Amino acid sequence: KIFQPRYIIINLGGGIQELLALYIKKNTEKKISILCTGAA
């Protein structure tokens, strides 16, 4: 909310990062692109 990122890169393990991305999407209003690319 404070930083207002345009892009979020989630560098966590599979099975968690996707759930976190869904949580973020449901709880933010701004246009944000979230990349669940894990170990990449």
PDB file of all heavy atoms in Angstrom:
ATOM      1  N   LYS A   1       0.826  -1.209   0.000  1.00  0.00           N
ATOM      2  CA  LYS A   1       0.000   0.000   0.000  1.00  0.00           C
ATOM      3  C   LYS A   1       0.860   1.258   0.000  1.00  0.00           C
ATOM      4  O   LYS A   1       0.574   2.235  -0.711  1.00  0.00           O
ATOM      5  CB  LYS A   1      -0.923  -0.006   1.223  1.00  0.00           C
ATOM      6  CG  LYS A   1      -1.854   1.194   1.305  1.00  0.00           C
ATOM      7  CD  LYS A   1      -2.749   1.104   2.534  1.00  0.00           C
ATOM      8  CE  LYS A   1      -3.673   2.312   2.634  1.00  0.00           C
ATOM      9  NZ  LYS A   1      -4.546   2.229   3.847  1.00  0.00           N
ATOM     10  N   ILE A   2       1.934   1.239   0.769  1.00  0.00           N
ATOM     11  CA  ILE A   2       2.809   2.411   0.874  1.00  0.00           C
ATOM     12  C   ILE A   2       3.712   2.549  -0.355  1.00  0.00           C
ATOM     13  O   ILE A   2       3.824   3.619  -0.941  1.00  0.00           O
ATOM     14  CB  ILE A   2       3.680   2.323   2.153  1.00  0.00           C
ATOM     15  CG1 ILE A   2       2.784   2.390   3.403  1.00  0.00           C
ATOM     16  CG2 ILE A   2       4.727   3.439   2.186  1.00  0.00           C
ATOM     17  CD1 ILE A   2       3.520   2.099   4.687  1.00  0.00           C
ATOM     18  N   PHE A   3       4.335   1.451  -0.753  1.00  0.00           N
ATOM     19  CA  PHE A   3       5.316   1.490  -1.846  1.00  0.00           C
ATOM     20  C   PHE A   3       4.670   1.524  -3.225  1.00  0.00           C
ATOM     21  O   PHE A   3       5.193   2.108  -4.166  1.00  0.00           O
ATOM     22  CB  PHE A   3       6.243   0.277  -1.735  1.00  0.00           C
ATOM     23  CG  PHE A   3       7.366   0.265  -2.723  1.00  0.00           C
ATOM     24  CD1 PHE A   3       8.293   1.299  -2.761  1.00  0.00           C
ATOM     25  CD2 PHE A   3       7.509  -0.786  -3.621  1.00  0.00           C
ATOM     26  CE1 PHE A   3       9.338   1.285  -3.677  1.00  0.00           C
ATOM     27  CE2 PHE A   3       8.553  -0.814  -4.534  1.00  0.00           C
ATOM     28  CZ  PHE A   3       9.466   0.234  -4.562  1.00  0.00           C
ATOM     29  N   GLN A   4       3.506   0.884  -3.361  1.00  0.00           N
ATOM     30  CA  GLN A   4       2.746   0.822  -4.610  1.00  0.00           C
ATOM     31  C   GLN A   4       3.581   0.307  -5.789  1.00  0.00           C
ATOM     32  O   GLN A   4       3.795   1.013  -6.777  1.00  0.00           O
ATOM     33  CB  GLN A   4       2.150   2.198  -4.943  1.00  0.00           C
ATOM     34  CG  GLN A   4       1.149   2.680  -3.923  1.00  0.00           C
ATOM     35  CD  GLN A   4       0.438   3.952  -4.340  1.00  0.00           C
ATOM     36  OE1 GLN A   4       0.466   4.363  -5.493  1.00  0.00           O
ATOM     37  NE2 GLN A   4      -0.220   4.592  -3.393  1.00  0.00           N
ATOM     38  N   PRO A   5       4.050  -0.924  -5.693  1.00  0.00           N
ATOM     39  CA  PRO A   5       4.851  -1.486  -6.791  1.00  0.00           C
ATOM     40  C   PRO A   5       4.009  -1.765  -8.028  1.00  0.00           C
ATOM     41  O   PRO A   5       2.822  -2.073  -7.931  1.00  0.00           O
ATOM     42  CB  PRO A   5       5.376  -2.797  -6.196  1.00  0.00           C
ATOM     43  CG  PRO A   5       4.305  -3.197  -5.217  1.00  0.00           C
ATOM     44  CD  PRO A   5       3.831  -1.900  -4.618  1.00  0.00           C
ATOM     45  N   ARG A   6       4.633  -1.641  -9.189  1.00  0.00           N
ATOM     46  CA  ARG A   6       3.968  -2.019 -10.445  1.00  0.00           C
ATOM     47  C   ARG A   6       4.134  -3.514 -10.690  1.00  0.00           C
ATOM     48  O   ARG A   6       3.260  -4.166 -11.256  1.00  0.00           O
ATOM     49  CB  ARG A   6       4.560  -1.218 -11.612  1.00  0.00           C
ATOM     50  CG  ARG A   6       3.997  -1.591 -12.979  1.00  0.00           C
ATOM     51  CD  ARG A   6       2.510  -1.304 -13.072  1.00  0.00           C
ATOM     52  NE  ARG A   6       1.986  -1.723 -14.364  1.00  0.00           N
ATOM     53  CZ  ARG A   6       1.593  -2.960 -14.665  1.00  0.00           C
ATOM     54  NH1 ARG A   6       1.675  -3.927 -13.753  1.00  0.00           N
ATOM     55  NH2 ARG A   6       1.116  -3.244 -15.856  1.00  0.00           N
ATOM     56  N   TYR A   7       5.296  -4.047 -10.249  1.00  0.00           N
ATOM     57  CA  TYR A   7       5.592  -5.467 -10.431  1.00  0.00           C
ATOM     58  C   TYR A   7       6.065  -6.072  -9.113  1.00  0.00           C
ATOM     59  O   TYR A   7       6.850  -5.457  -8.381  1.00  0.00           O
ATOM     60  CB  TYR A   7       6.680  -5.678 -11.491  1.00  0.00           C
ATOM     61  CG  TYR A   7       6.310  -5.169 -12.855  1.00  0.00           C
ATOM     62  CD1 TYR A   7       6.774  -3.937 -13.311  1.00  0.00           C
ATOM     63  CD2 TYR A   7       5.474  -5.919 -13.692  1.00  0.00           C
ATOM     64  CE1 TYR A   7       6.427  -3.466 -14.567  1.00  0.00           C
ATOM     65  CE2 TYR A   7       5.120  -5.443 -14.949  1.00  0.00           C
ATOM     66  CZ  TYR A   7       5.594  -4.217 -15.387  1.00  0.00           C
ATOM     67  OH  TYR A   7       5.239  -3.739 -16.620  1.00  0.00           O
ATOM     68  N   ILE A   8       5.586  -7.271  -8.829  1.00  0.00           N
ATOM     69  CA  ILE A   8       6.046  -8.026  -7.666  1.00  0.00           C
ATOM     70  C   ILE A   8       6.634  -9.341  -8.157  1.00  0.00           C
ATOM     71  O   ILE A   8       5.990 -10.072  -8.918  1.00  0.00           O
ATOM     72  CB  ILE A   8       4.893  -8.314  -6.679  1.00  0.00           C
ATOM     73  CG1 ILE A   8       4.334  -7.002  -6.099  1.00  0.00           C
ATOM     74  CG2 ILE A   8       5.372  -9.219  -5.546  1.00  0.00           C
ATOM     75  CD1 ILE A   8       3.145  -7.202  -5.172  1.00  0.00           C
ATOM     76  N   ILE A   9       7.859  -9.620  -7.742  1.00  0.00           N
ATOM     77  CA  ILE A   9       8.514 -10.883  -8.086  1.00  0.00           C
ATOM     78  C   ILE A   9       8.584 -11.726  -6.820  1.00  0.00           C
ATOM     79  O   ILE A   9       9.239 -11.339  -5.843  1.00  0.00           O
ATOM     80  CB  ILE A   9       9.932 -10.660  -8.640  1.00  0.00           C
ATOM     81  CG1 ILE A   9       9.896  -9.696  -9.829  1.00  0.00           C
ATOM     82  CG2 ILE A   9      10.560 -11.989  -9.059  1.00  0.00           C
ATOM     83  CD1 ILE A   9      11.277  -9.272 -10.318  1.00  0.00           C
ATOM     84  N   ILE A  10       7.898 -12.861  -6.816  1.00  0.00           N
ATOM     85  CA  ILE A  10       7.889 -13.730  -5.632  1.00  0.00           C
ATOM     86  C   ILE A  10       8.915 -14.838  -5.828  1.00  0.00           C
ATOM     87  O   ILE A  10       8.804 -15.651  -6.744  1.00  0.00           O
ATOM     88  CB  ILE A  10       6.488 -14.330  -5.386  1.00  0.00           C
ATOM     89  CG1 ILE A  10       5.433 -13.225  -5.267  1.00  0.00           C
ATOM     90  CG2 ILE A  10       6.512 -15.172  -4.113  1.00  0.00           C
ATOM     91  CD1 ILE A  10       4.042 -13.724  -4.957  1.00  0.00           C
ATOM     92  N   ASN A  11       9.915 -14.847  -4.954  1.00  0.00           N
ATOM     93  CA  ASN A  11      11.033 -15.787  -5.072  1.00  0.00           C
ATOM     94  C   ASN A  11      10.963 -16.873  -4.002  1.00  0.00           C
ATOM     95  O   ASN A  11      11.977 -17.210  -3.373  1.00  0.00           O
ATOM     96  CB  ASN A  11      12.351 -15.009  -4.962  1.00  0.00           C
ATOM     97  CG  ASN A  11      12.399 -13.839  -5.918  1.00  0.00           C
ATOM     98  OD1 ASN A  11      12.307 -14.013  -7.117  1.00  0.00           O
ATOM     99  ND2 ASN A  11      12.522 -12.631  -5.382  1.00  0.00           N
ATOM    100  N   LEU A  12       9.775 -17.410  -3.799  1.00  0.00           N
ATOM    101  CA  LEU A  12       9.558 -18.434  -2.777  1.00  0.00           C
ATOM    102  C   LEU A  12       9.302 -19.782  -3.447  1.00  0.00           C
ATOM    103  O   LEU A  12       9.189 -19.872  -4.666  1.00  0.00           O
ATOM    104  CB  LEU A  12       8.377 -18.054  -1.884  1.00  0.00           C
ATOM    105  CG  LEU A  12       8.423 -16.669  -1.241  1.00  0.00           C
ATOM    106  CD1 LEU A  12       7.177 -16.440  -0.394  1.00  0.00           C
ATOM    107  CD2 LEU A  12       9.680 -16.494  -0.390  1.00  0.00           C
ATOM    108  N   GLY A  13       9.180 -20.812  -2.660  1.00  0.00           N
ATOM    109  CA  GLY A  13       8.951 -22.147  -3.188  1.00  0.00           C
ATOM    110  C   GLY A  13       7.553 -22.324  -3.749  1.00  0.00           C
ATOM    111  O   GLY A  13       6.606 -21.637  -3.356  1.00  0.00           O
ATOM    112  N   GLY A  14       7.443 -23.274  -4.687  1.00  0.00           N
ATOM    113  CA  GLY A  14       6.142 -23.610  -5.248  1.00  0.00           C
ATOM    114  C   GLY A  14       5.228 -24.187  -4.188  1.00  0.00           C
ATOM    115  O   GLY A  14       5.670 -24.871  -3.274  1.00  0.00           O
ATOM    116  N   GLY A  15       3.948 -23.888  -4.308  1.00  0.00           N
ATOM    117  CA  GLY A  15       2.986 -24.359  -3.315  1.00  0.00           C
ATOM    118  C   GLY A  15       2.688 -23.309  -2.263  1.00  0.00           C
ATOM    119  O   GLY A  15       1.668 -23.380  -1.576  1.00  0.00           O
ATOM    120  N   ILE A  16       3.568 -22.317  -2.154  1.00  0.00           N
ATOM    121  CA  ILE A  16       3.366 -21.188  -1.247  1.00  0.00           C
ATOM    122  C   ILE A  16       3.235 -19.902  -2.050  1.00  0.00           C
ATOM    123  O   ILE A  16       2.328 -19.102  -1.819  1.00  0.00           O
ATOM    124  CB  ILE A  16       4.532 -21.052  -0.244  1.00  0.00           C
ATOM    125  CG1 ILE A  16       4.482 -22.190   0.775  1.00  0.00           C
ATOM    126  CG2 ILE A  16       4.461 -19.703   0.478  1.00  0.00           C
ATOM    127  CD1 ILE A  16       3.280 -22.140   1.714  1.00  0.00           C
ATOM    128  N   GLN A  17       4.136 -19.703  -3.011  1.00  0.00           N
ATOM    129  CA  GLN A  17       4.151 -18.433  -3.752  1.00  0.00           C
ATOM    130  C   GLN A  17       2.839 -18.191  -4.497  1.00  0.00           C
ATOM    131  O   GLN A  17       2.348 -17.056  -4.566  1.00  0.00           O
ATOM    132  CB  GLN A  17       5.328 -18.395  -4.713  1.00  0.00           C
ATOM    133  CG  GLN A  17       5.340 -19.490  -5.753  1.00  0.00           C
ATOM    134  CD  GLN A  17       6.520 -19.375  -6.701  1.00  0.00           C
ATOM    135  OE1 GLN A  17       7.221 -18.373  -6.726  1.00  0.00           O
ATOM    136  NE2 GLN A  17       6.744 -20.407  -7.510  1.00  0.00           N
ATOM    137  N   GLU A  18       2.244 -19.246  -5.035  1.00  0.00           N
ATOM    138  CA  GLU A  18       0.987 -19.078  -5.770  1.00  0.00           C
ATOM    139  C   GLU A  18      -0.155 -18.671  -4.828  1.00  0.00           C
ATOM    140  O   GLU A  18      -0.998 -17.850  -5.190  1.00  0.00           O
ATOM    141  CB  GLU A  18       0.626 -20.380  -6.489  1.00  0.00           C
ATOM    142  CG  GLU A  18       1.639 -20.816  -7.529  1.00  0.00           C
ATOM    143  CD  GLU A  18       2.765 -21.685  -6.964  1.00  0.00           C
ATOM    144  OE1 GLU A  18       2.831 -21.840  -5.723  1.00  0.00           O
ATOM    145  OE2 GLU A  18       3.571 -22.201  -7.753  1.00  0.00           O
ATOM    146  N   LEU A  19      -0.154 -19.245  -3.633  1.00  0.00           N
ATOM    147  CA  LEU A  19      -1.170 -18.888  -2.645  1.00  0.00           C
ATOM    148  C   LEU A  19      -0.988 -17.451  -2.185  1.00  0.00           C
ATOM    149  O   LEU A  19      -1.957 -16.722  -1.968  1.00  0.00           O
ATOM    150  CB  LEU A  19      -1.083 -19.835  -1.439  1.00  0.00           C
ATOM    151  CG  LEU A  19      -1.154 -21.334  -1.725  1.00  0.00           C
ATOM    152  CD1 LEU A  19      -1.072 -22.122  -0.425  1.00  0.00           C
ATOM    153  CD2 LEU A  19      -2.431 -21.682  -2.466  1.00  0.00           C
ATOM    154  N   LEU A  20       0.273 -17.042  -2.030  1.00  0.00           N
ATOM    155  CA  LEU A  20       0.567 -15.668  -1.628  1.00  0.00           C
ATOM    156  C   LEU A  20       0.148 -14.689  -2.720  1.00  0.00           C
ATOM    157  O   LEU A  20      -0.405 -13.621  -2.431  1.00  0.00           O
ATOM    158  CB  LEU A  20       2.057 -15.524  -1.316  1.00  0.00           C
ATOM    159  CG  LEU A  20       2.520 -14.135  -0.864  1.00  0.00           C
ATOM    160  CD1 LEU A  20       1.817 -13.726   0.427  1.00  0.00           C
ATOM    161  CD2 LEU A  20       4.033 -14.111  -0.678  1.00  0.00           C
ATOM    162  N   ALA A  21       0.392 -15.046  -3.968  1.00  0.00           N
ATOM    163  CA  ALA A  21      -0.007 -14.184  -5.086  1.00  0.00           C
ATOM    164  C   ALA A  21      -1.519 -13.986  -5.114  1.00  0.00           C
ATOM    165  O   ALA A  21      -2.010 -12.867  -5.330  1.00  0.00           O
ATOM    166  CB  ALA A  21       0.470 -14.788  -6.401  1.00  0.00           C
ATOM    167  N   LEU A  22      -2.254 -15.065  -4.891  1.00  0.00           N
ATOM    168  CA  LEU A  22      -3.719 -14.978  -4.857  1.00  0.00           C
ATOM    169  C   LEU A  22      -4.171 -14.093  -3.701  1.00  0.00           C
ATOM    170  O   LEU A  22      -5.080 -13.269  -3.854  1.00  0.00           O
ATOM    171  CB  LEU A  22      -4.322 -16.382  -4.726  1.00  0.00           C
ATOM    172  CG  LEU A  22      -5.849 -16.468  -4.628  1.00  0.00           C
ATOM    173  CD1 LEU A  22      -6.515 -15.821  -5.831  1.00  0.00           C
ATOM    174  CD2 LEU A  22      -6.291 -17.926  -4.503  1.00  0.00           C
ATOM    175  N   TYR A  23      -3.515 -14.238  -2.563  1.00  0.00           N
ATOM    176  CA  TYR A  23      -3.820 -13.413  -1.380  1.00  0.00           C
ATOM    177  C   TYR A  23      -3.587 -11.933  -1.683  1.00  0.00           C
ATOM    178  O   TYR A  23      -4.415 -11.073  -1.350  1.00  0.00           O
ATOM    179  CB  TYR A  23      -2.957 -13.870  -0.208  1.00  0.00           C
ATOM    180  CG  TYR A  23      -3.013 -12.978   1.012  1.00  0.00           C
ATOM    181  CD1 TYR A  23      -4.096 -13.018   1.882  1.00  0.00           C
ATOM    182  CD2 TYR A  23      -1.962 -12.106   1.303  1.00  0.00           C
ATOM    183  CE1 TYR A  23      -4.143 -12.206   3.010  1.00  0.00           C
ATOM    184  CE2 TYR A  23      -1.992 -11.297   2.427  1.00  0.00           C
ATOM    185  CZ  TYR A  23      -3.084 -11.345   3.272  1.00  0.00           C
ATOM    186  OH  TYR A  23      -3.126 -10.529   4.391  1.00  0.00           O
ATOM    187  N   ILE A  24      -2.467 -11.624  -2.314  1.00  0.00           N
ATOM    188  CA  ILE A  24      -2.150 -10.237  -2.660  1.00  0.00           C
ATOM    189  C   ILE A  24      -3.183  -9.682  -3.630  1.00  0.00           C
ATOM    190  O   ILE A  24      -3.683  -8.567  -3.467  1.00  0.00           O
ATOM    191  CB  ILE A  24      -0.740 -10.136  -3.272  1.00  0.00           C
ATOM    192  CG1 ILE A  24       0.327 -10.489  -2.242  1.00  0.00           C
ATOM    193  CG2 ILE A  24      -0.490  -8.726  -3.816  1.00  0.00           C
ATOM    194  CD1 ILE A  24       1.718 -10.633  -2.822  1.00  0.00           C
ATOM    195  N   LYS A  25      -3.499 -10.467  -4.648  1.00  0.00           N
ATOM    196  CA  LYS A  25      -4.464 -10.015  -5.654  1.00  0.00           C
ATOM    197  C   LYS A  25      -5.819  -9.699  -5.035  1.00  0.00           C
ATOM    198  O   LYS A  25      -6.456  -8.696  -5.381  1.00  0.00           O
ATOM    199  CB  LYS A  25      -4.610 -11.078  -6.743  1.00  0.00           C
ATOM    200  CG  LYS A  25      -5.593 -10.680  -7.847  1.00  0.00           C
ATOM    201  CD  LYS A  25      -5.719 -11.765  -8.903  1.00  0.00           C
ATOM    202  CE  LYS A  25      -6.747 -11.361  -9.956  1.00  0.00           C
ATOM    203  NZ  LYS A  25      -6.909 -12.376 -11.026  1.00  0.00           N
ATOM    204  N   LYS A  26      -6.246 -10.540  -4.118  1.00  0.00           N
ATOM    205  CA  LYS A  26      -7.556 -10.357  -3.491  1.00  0.00           C
ATOM    206  C   LYS A  26      -7.595  -9.169  -2.537  1.00  0.00           C
ATOM    207  O   LYS A  26      -8.668  -8.648  -2.244  1.00  0.00           O
ATOM    208  CB  LYS A  26      -7.960 -11.629  -2.730  1.00  0.00           C
ATOM    209  CG  LYS A  26      -8.406 -12.776  -3.622  1.00  0.00           C
ATOM    210  CD  LYS A  26      -8.868 -13.944  -2.781  1.00  0.00           C
ATOM    211  CE  LYS A  26      -9.460 -15.052  -3.656  1.00  0.00           C
ATOM    212  NZ  LYS A  26      -9.926 -16.209  -2.830  1.00  0.00           N
ATOM    213  N   ASN A  27      -6.416  -8.763  -2.065  1.00  0.00           N
ATOM    214  CA  ASN A  27      -6.381  -7.733  -1.021  1.00  0.00           C
ATOM    215  C   ASN A  27      -5.724  -6.420  -1.454  1.00  0.00           C
ATOM    216  O   ASN A  27      -5.386  -5.582  -0.617  1.00  0.00           O
ATOM    217  CB  ASN A  27      -5.654  -8.276   0.208  1.00  0.00           C
ATOM    218  CG  ASN A  27      -6.461  -9.326   0.941  1.00  0.00           C
ATOM    219  OD1 ASN A  27      -7.372  -9.011   1.706  1.00  0.00           O
ATOM    220  ND2 ASN A  27      -6.142 -10.585   0.685  1.00  0.00           N
ATOM    221  N   THR A  28      -5.560  -6.242  -2.754  1.00  0.00           N
ATOM    222  CA  THR A  28      -5.037  -4.979  -3.276  1.00  0.00           C
ATOM    223  C   THR A  28      -5.930  -4.485  -4.401  1.00  0.00           C
ATOM    224  O   THR A  28      -6.575  -5.282  -5.095  1.00  0.00           O
ATOM    225  CB  THR A  28      -3.591  -5.135  -3.809  1.00  0.00           C
ATOM    226  OG1 THR A  28      -3.547  -6.201  -4.762  1.00  0.00           O
ATOM    227  CG2 THR A  28      -2.624  -5.430  -2.680  1.00  0.00           C
ATOM    228  N   GLU A  29      -5.950  -3.180  -4.573  1.00  0.00           N
ATOM    229  CA  GLU A  29      -6.816  -2.588  -5.584  1.00  0.00           C
ATOM    230  C   GLU A  29      -6.044  -2.061  -6.780  1.00  0.00           C
ATOM    231  O   GLU A  29      -6.599  -1.947  -7.874  1.00  0.00           O
ATOM    232  CB  GLU A  29      -7.632  -1.440  -4.956  1.00  0.00           C
ATOM    233  CG  GLU A  29      -8.565  -1.894  -3.842  1.00  0.00           C
ATOM    234  CD  GLU A  29      -9.317  -0.734  -3.218  1.00  0.00           C
ATOM    235  OE1 GLU A  29      -9.053   0.427  -3.610  1.00  0.00           O
ATOM    236  OE2 GLU A  29     -10.172  -0.971  -2.344  1.00  0.00           O
ATOM    237  N   LYS A  30      -4.798  -1.724  -6.606  1.00  0.00           N
ATOM    238  CA  LYS A  30      -3.985  -1.179  -7.691  1.00  0.00           C
ATOM    239  C   LYS A  30      -3.666  -2.239  -8.740  1.00  0.00           C
ATOM    240  O   LYS A  30      -3.679  -3.436  -8.458  1.00  0.00           O
ATOM    241  CB  LYS A  30      -2.680  -0.610  -7.127  1.00  0.00           C
ATOM    242  CG  LYS A  30      -2.855   0.570  -6.173  1.00  0.00           C
ATOM    243  CD  LYS A  30      -3.187   1.848  -6.928  1.00  0.00           C
ATOM    244  CE  LYS A  30      -3.232   3.038  -5.988  1.00  0.00           C
ATOM    245  NZ  LYS A  30      -3.498   4.307  -6.692  1.00  0.00           N
ATOM    246  N   LYS A  31      -3.338  -1.779  -9.941  1.00  0.00           N
ATOM    247  CA  LYS A  31      -2.923  -2.678 -11.014  1.00  0.00           C
ATOM    248  C   LYS A  31      -1.503  -3.154 -10.740  1.00  0.00           C
ATOM    249  O   LYS A  31      -0.552  -2.376 -10.822  1.00  0.00           O
ATOM    250  CB  LYS A  31      -2.989  -1.954 -12.356  1.00  0.00           C
ATOM    251  CG  LYS A  31      -2.558  -2.799 -13.549  1.00  0.00           C
ATOM    252  CD  LYS A  31      -2.642  -1.973 -14.828  1.00  0.00           C
ATOM    253  CE  LYS A  31      -2.157  -2.765 -16.029  1.00  0.00           C
ATOM    254  NZ  LYS A  31      -2.238  -1.979 -17.285  1.00  0.00           N
ATOM    255  N   ILE A  32      -1.361  -4.419 -10.382  1.00  0.00           N
ATOM    256  CA  ILE A  32      -0.055  -4.992 -10.078  1.00  0.00           C
ATOM    257  C   ILE A  32       0.102  -6.293 -10.865  1.00  0.00           C
ATOM    258  O   ILE A  32      -0.826  -7.103 -10.933  1.00  0.00           O
ATOM    259  CB  ILE A  32       0.097  -5.303  -8.576  1.00  0.00           C
ATOM    260  CG1 ILE A  32      -0.153  -4.057  -7.739  1.00  0.00           C
ATOM    261  CG2 ILE A  32       1.490  -5.864  -8.272  1.00  0.00           C
ATOM    262  CD1 ILE A  32      -0.164  -4.329  -6.238  1.00  0.00           C
ATOM    263  N   SER A  33       1.267  -6.489 -11.436  1.00  0.00           N
ATOM    264  CA  SER A  33       1.600  -7.752 -12.101  1.00  0.00           C
ATOM    265  C   SER A  33       2.511  -8.544 -11.175  1.00  0.00           C
ATOM    266  O   SER A  33       3.565  -8.048 -10.769  1.00  0.00           O
ATOM    267  CB  SER A  33       2.291  -7.486 -13.441  1.00  0.00           C
ATOM    268  OG  SER A  33       1.429  -6.797 -14.321  1.00  0.00           O
ATOM    269  N   ILE A  34       2.106  -9.763 -10.846  1.00  0.00           N
ATOM    270  CA  ILE A  34       2.827 -10.589  -9.878  1.00  0.00           C
ATOM    271  C   ILE A  34       3.414 -11.802 -10.596  1.00  0.00           C
ATOM    272  O   ILE A  34       2.690 -12.540 -11.266  1.00  0.00           O
ATOM    273  CB  ILE A  34       1.881 -11.053  -8.745  1.00  0.00           C
ATOM    274  CG1 ILE A  34       1.155  -9.854  -8.127  1.00  0.00           C
ATOM    275  CG2 ILE A  34       2.663 -11.823  -7.686  1.00  0.00           C
ATOM    276  CD1 ILE A  34       0.012 -10.241  -7.200  1.00  0.00           C
ATOM    277  N   LEU A  35       4.711 -11.990 -10.439  1.00  0.00           N
ATOM    278  CA  LEU A  35       5.399 -13.101 -11.102  1.00  0.00           C
ATOM    279  C   LEU A  35       5.805 -14.149 -10.069  1.00  0.00           C
ATOM    280  O   LEU A  35       6.644 -13.883  -9.202  1.00  0.00           O
ATOM    281  CB  LEU A  35       6.645 -12.598 -11.831  1.00  0.00           C
ATOM    282  CG  LEU A  35       6.463 -11.389 -12.755  1.00  0.00           C
ATOM    283  CD1 LEU A  35       7.785 -11.050 -13.431  1.00  0.00           C
ATOM    284  CD2 LEU A  35       5.370 -11.628 -13.789  1.00  0.00           C
ATOM    285  N   CYS A  36       5.216 -15.323 -10.147  1.00  0.00           N
ATOM    286  CA  CYS A  36       5.578 -16.436  -9.254  1.00  0.00           C
ATOM    287  C   CYS A  36       6.630 -17.284  -9.973  1.00  0.00           C
ATOM    288  O   CYS A  36       6.327 -18.337 -10.524  1.00  0.00           O
ATOM    289  CB  CYS A  36       4.342 -17.284  -8.930  1.00  0.00           C
ATOM    290  SG  CYS A  36       3.051 -16.395  -8.061  1.00  0.00           S
ATOM    291  N   THR A  37       7.853 -16.807  -9.966  1.00  0.00           N
ATOM    292  CA  THR A  37       8.911 -17.499 -10.706  1.00  0.00           C
ATOM    293  C   THR A  37       9.874 -18.240  -9.783  1.00  0.00           C
ATOM    294  O   THR A  37      10.909 -18.751 -10.231  1.00  0.00           O
ATOM    295  CB  THR A  37       9.680 -16.500 -11.594  1.00  0.00           C
ATOM    296  OG1 THR A  37      10.001 -15.324 -10.835  1.00  0.00           O
ATOM    297  CG2 THR A  37       8.838 -16.082 -12.792  1.00  0.00           C
ATOM    298  N   GLY A  38       9.560 -18.310  -8.512  1.00  0.00           N
ATOM    299  CA  GLY A  38      10.284 -19.169  -7.576  1.00  0.00           C
ATOM    300  C   GLY A  38      11.791 -19.028  -7.591  1.00  0.00           C
ATOM    301  O   GLY A  38      12.336 -17.965  -7.311  1.00  0.00           O
ATOM    302  N   ALA A  39      12.478 -20.112  -7.949  1.00  0.00           N
ATOM    303  CA  ALA A  39      13.940 -20.152  -7.893  1.00  0.00           C
ATOM    304  C   ALA A  39      14.603 -19.486  -9.092  1.00  0.00           C
ATOM    305  O   ALA A  39      15.839 -19.421  -9.156  1.00  0.00           O
ATOM    306  CB  ALA A  39      14.405 -21.600  -7.805  1.00  0.00           C
ATOM    307  N   ALA A  40      13.837 -18.971 -10.037  1.00  0.00           N
ATOM    308  CA  ALA A  40      14.418 -18.411 -11.262  1.00  0.00           C
ATOM    309  C   ALA A  40      15.448 -17.332 -10.974  1.00  0.00           C
ATOM    310  O   ALA A  40      16.536 -17.316 -11.573  1.00  0.00           O
ATOM    311  CB  ALA A  40      13.319 -17.858 -12.162  1.00  0.00           C
TER     312      ALA A  40
END
